[in-house]
Amino acid sequence: IVVNGTGTVTGISVGGLPDGIVDTDMLAANAVTVAKASGSVKGITAAETWRTSGDFTSGSSGTTYPTNWEKDDHATAGSIGSGMSHSSGIFTFPETGIYLITYQGYARVSSSGSNELAAVRIFAASDNSTYNGSAATYFNIPAVATHNYNSAHTTFIFDVQDTSNYKVKFGNYSVSTVTWEGTSGYNLNCALFVRLGAT
């Protein structure tokens, strides 16, 4: 090991310093990158929004599980990470972790009908098969000429322990016919996925 006249030290091999000799106060503010961080220090590593691209209905059959999903592709929409994948209404996660999931429903009924009870629901599976109700919000849609629509959302924090078996799907419930509005232009019936940290 050589201490140079310039105040620098040479001759130390990588890993040659004793543990604990370098603490956080000695690190430059920009010296630690995301690639070197681990666990929750990385912050949010996945976030995106999906929406149904058109209308669908629920009614006498109980819960309807929409399948016409698309990722939010608005010109100013943002996302983080490699993203969710979707098939026939089932969502697969890009990596394990603790995920915040929010589902919003926007619904209408006929103004000549009657008030309707409806619900937005989140179903989660840990075996890629058995989907259990994990969150639900019930709300009323008034059937009046000037206001025959309403919206609600529900939230669930999902511990995704492996990406092959831990899946999620969304359900829309009503007793009588309710139209759930969707469009490719903006988010009405939509879902938000945010990975909060490691499982």
Protein backbone atom coordinates (compact mmCIF):
# COMPACT_ATOMS: atom_id res chain seq x y z
CA ILE A 1 0.00 0.00 0.00
CA VAL A 2 1.39 3.38 -1.00
CA VAL A 3 0.34 6.76 0.36
CA ASN A 4 1.13 9.23 -2.37
CA GLY A 5 2.19 12.82 -1.93
CA THR A 6 -1.07 13.94 -3.49
CA GLY A 7 -3.01 12.42 -0.62
CA THR A 8 -4.20 9.42 -2.60
CA VAL A 9 -3.71 5.76 -1.62
CA THR A 10 -2.81 3.07 -4.14
CA GLY A 11 -2.18 -0.64 -3.89
CA ILE A 12 -5.45 -1.63 -2.15
CA SER A 13 -7.17 -4.54 -3.87
CA VAL A 14 -10.93 -4.67 -4.37
CA GLY A 15 -12.48 -5.78 -1.10
CA GLY A 16 -9.27 -5.11 0.76
CA LEU A 17 -10.74 -2.65 3.26
CA PRO A 18 -12.06 -4.03 6.56
CA ASP A 19 -15.84 -4.22 6.98
CA GLY A 20 -17.34 -1.04 8.39
CA ILE A 21 -14.50 1.27 7.42
CA VAL A 22 -16.67 3.02 4.79
CA ASP A 23 -19.96 4.41 6.07
CA THR A 24 -22.73 6.39 4.39
CA ASP A 25 -21.17 9.73 5.37
CA MET A 26 -18.12 8.89 3.24
CA LEU A 27 -20.14 8.18 0.10
CA ALA A 28 -20.70 10.87 -2.48
CA ALA A 29 -24.34 11.87 -2.96
CA ASN A 30 -24.48 10.32 -6.44
CA ALA A 31 -22.27 7.30 -5.73
CA VAL A 32 -25.06 4.75 -5.15
CA THR A 33 -27.21 3.85 -8.15
CA VAL A 34 -30.40 1.79 -8.34
CA ALA A 35 -28.37 -1.10 -9.74
CA LYS A 36 -26.36 -1.25 -6.49
CA ALA A 37 -29.37 -0.86 -4.20
CA SER A 38 -31.36 -3.80 -2.85
CA GLY A 39 -34.74 -4.45 -1.27
CA SER A 40 -36.98 -1.47 -0.53
CA VAL A 41 -34.07 0.92 -1.15
CA LYS A 42 -34.76 0.49 -4.86
CA GLY A 43 -38.13 2.17 -4.39
CA ILE A 44 -40.98 1.50 -6.82
CA THR A 45 -39.79 -0.78 -9.64
CA ALA A 46 -43.12 -1.45 -11.38
CA ALA A 47 -46.19 0.75 -11.97
CA GLU A 48 -48.78 1.00 -14.73
CA THR A 49 -52.46 1.40 -15.55
CA TRP A 50 -54.75 -0.84 -17.61
CA ARG A 51 -58.29 -0.13 -18.82
CA THR A 52 -61.17 -1.83 -20.59
CA SER A 53 -61.30 -0.69 -24.20
CA GLY A 54 -65.10 -0.71 -24.51
CA ASP A 55 -68.39 -1.18 -22.66
CA PHE A 56 -69.52 -4.46 -21.09
CA THR A 57 -72.49 -5.44 -18.91
CA SER A 58 -73.24 -7.30 -15.70
CA GLY A 59 -76.62 -8.50 -14.53
CA SER A 60 -78.59 -11.59 -13.55
CA SER A 61 -75.55 -13.86 -13.83
CA GLY A 62 -73.93 -11.99 -10.92
CA THR A 63 -70.27 -11.11 -11.37
CA THR A 64 -68.86 -10.39 -14.81
CA TYR A 65 -65.11 -10.66 -15.39
CA PRO A 66 -64.07 -8.24 -18.15
CA THR A 67 -61.58 -9.48 -20.74
CA ASN A 68 -61.25 -6.48 -23.07
CA TRP A 69 -58.22 -5.02 -21.32
CA GLU A 70 -55.52 -2.79 -22.79
CA LYS A 71 -52.56 -0.98 -21.28
CA ASP A 72 -53.03 2.79 -20.96
CA ASP A 73 -51.37 4.14 -24.11
CA HIS A 74 -52.24 7.82 -23.78
CA ALA A 75 -49.50 10.10 -25.12
CA THR A 76 -48.66 11.32 -21.61
CA ALA A 77 -49.21 8.05 -19.73
CA GLY A 78 -46.25 6.81 -17.72
CA SER A 79 -45.15 3.41 -16.47
CA ILE A 80 -42.23 1.82 -14.63
CA GLY A 81 -40.70 -1.60 -15.24
CA SER A 82 -41.36 -4.40 -17.69
CA GLY A 83 -45.09 -4.36 -16.98
CA MET A 84 -48.02 -6.66 -16.36
CA SER A 85 -49.21 -9.23 -18.88
CA HIS A 86 -52.82 -10.18 -19.54
CA SER A 87 -54.75 -13.10 -21.01
CA SER A 88 -58.54 -13.63 -20.95
CA GLY A 89 -59.03 -11.36 -17.96
CA ILE A 90 -56.15 -12.83 -15.91
CA PHE A 91 -53.17 -10.64 -15.01
CA THR A 92 -49.63 -11.98 -14.49
CA PHE A 93 -47.01 -10.01 -12.57
CA PRO A 94 -43.56 -9.21 -13.99
CA GLU A 95 -41.72 -10.01 -10.75
CA THR A 96 -42.43 -11.04 -7.18
CA GLY A 97 -43.15 -8.36 -4.58
CA ILE A 98 -45.78 -6.52 -2.61
CA TYR A 99 -48.22 -4.86 -5.02
CA LEU A 100 -50.82 -2.17 -4.46
CA ILE A 101 -53.79 -2.89 -6.74
CA THR A 102 -56.65 -0.44 -7.25
CA TYR A 103 -59.69 -1.19 -9.39
CA GLN A 104 -62.10 1.53 -10.53
CA GLY A 105 -65.51 0.94 -12.10
CA TYR A 106 -67.66 3.48 -13.92
CA ALA A 107 -71.25 2.35 -14.53
CA ARG A 108 -74.64 3.50 -15.75
CA VAL A 109 -78.23 2.26 -15.71
CA SER A 110 -81.28 3.16 -17.75
CA SER A 111 -82.86 6.42 -16.58
CA SER A 112 -86.28 4.77 -16.93
CA GLY A 113 -85.31 1.84 -14.70
CA SER A 114 -84.71 1.64 -10.97
CA ASN A 115 -81.76 2.38 -8.71
CA GLU A 116 -79.19 -0.39 -8.88
CA LEU A 117 -76.73 -1.89 -6.39
CA ALA A 118 -73.37 -2.64 -7.99
CA ALA A 119 -69.86 -3.55 -6.93
CA VAL A 120 -66.27 -3.60 -8.14
CA ARG A 121 -64.24 -6.58 -6.92
CA ILE A 122 -60.67 -7.89 -6.93
CA PHE A 123 -59.99 -11.64 -7.00
CA ALA A 124 -56.55 -13.11 -6.23
CA ALA A 125 -55.12 -16.60 -6.63
CA SER A 126 -51.98 -18.19 -5.18
CA ASP A 127 -52.31 -21.47 -7.15
CA ASN A 128 -53.08 -20.16 -10.65
CA SER A 129 -56.55 -21.62 -10.30
CA THR A 130 -58.61 -20.76 -7.21
CA TYR A 131 -59.59 -17.09 -7.21
CA ASN A 132 -60.81 -15.73 -3.89
CA GLY A 133 -62.57 -12.42 -3.36
CA SER A 134 -59.92 -10.14 -1.87
CA ALA A 135 -61.55 -6.69 -2.02
CA ALA A 136 -64.94 -5.23 -2.91
CA THR A 137 -66.74 -1.89 -2.86
CA TYR A 138 -70.53 -1.76 -3.21
CA PHE A 139 -72.27 1.39 -4.42
CA ASN A 140 -75.63 2.61 -5.68
CA ILE A 141 -76.38 3.86 -9.20
CA PRO A 142 -79.39 6.22 -9.25
CA ALA A 143 -81.79 5.79 -12.18
CA VAL A 144 -82.76 9.41 -12.77
CA ALA A 145 -82.70 11.30 -16.05
CA THR A 146 -80.06 13.80 -14.96
CA HIS A 147 -77.74 11.40 -13.15
CA ASN A 148 -77.92 7.72 -14.03
CA TYR A 149 -74.26 6.82 -13.53
CA ASN A 150 -71.78 6.44 -10.66
CA SER A 151 -68.28 5.15 -9.96
CA ALA A 152 -66.35 3.43 -7.19
CA HIS A 153 -62.99 1.85 -6.54
CA THR A 154 -61.57 -0.86 -4.32
CA THR A 155 -57.98 -1.58 -3.20
CA PHE A 156 -55.93 -4.64 -2.28
CA ILE A 157 -52.27 -5.14 -1.31
CA PHE A 158 -51.15 -8.47 -2.83
CA ASP A 159 -48.09 -10.45 -1.71
CA VAL A 160 -46.93 -11.99 -5.00
CA GLN A 161 -44.59 -14.77 -3.89
CA ASP A 162 -44.09 -16.29 -7.34
CA THR A 163 -45.16 -15.11 -10.76
CA SER A 164 -46.39 -18.48 -12.06
CA ASN A 165 -49.15 -19.03 -9.50
CA TYR A 166 -50.00 -15.65 -8.01
CA LYS A 167 -52.49 -14.01 -10.37
CA VAL A 168 -55.31 -11.48 -10.16
CA LYS A 169 -58.54 -10.74 -12.02
CA PHE A 170 -61.30 -8.17 -11.67
CA GLY A 171 -65.06 -8.55 -11.33
CA ASN A 172 -68.08 -6.29 -11.77
CA TYR A 173 -71.25 -7.21 -9.93
CA SER A 174 -74.90 -6.17 -10.17
CA VAL A 175 -78.30 -7.75 -9.58
CA SER A 176 -79.92 -6.31 -12.73
CA THR A 177 -78.38 -5.04 -15.95
CA VAL A 178 -75.64 -2.45 -15.53
CA THR A 179 -73.42 -1.10 -18.29
CA TRP A 180 -69.79 -0.57 -17.33
CA GLU A 181 -68.27 2.06 -19.58
CA GLY A 182 -64.88 1.70 -21.21
CA THR A 183 -62.99 3.37 -24.02
CA SER A 184 -59.57 3.33 -25.65
CA GLY A 185 -59.35 7.10 -25.28
CA TYR A 186 -59.01 7.43 -21.50
CA ASN A 187 -59.43 5.57 -18.23
CA LEU A 188 -62.98 4.82 -17.03
CA ASN A 189 -63.12 1.17 -15.98
CA CYS A 190 -59.46 0.74 -15.06
CA ALA A 191 -56.87 -0.93 -12.82
CA LEU A 192 -53.67 0.42 -11.28
CA PHE A 193 -50.70 -1.82 -10.35
CA VAL A 194 -47.82 -0.50 -8.22
CA ARG A 195 -45.02 -2.67 -6.82
CA LEU A 196 -44.26 -1.24 -3.39
CA GLY A 197 -41.29 -3.45 -2.52
CA ALA A 198 -39.94 -6.96 -2.17
CA THR A 199 -42.01 -9.80 -0.76
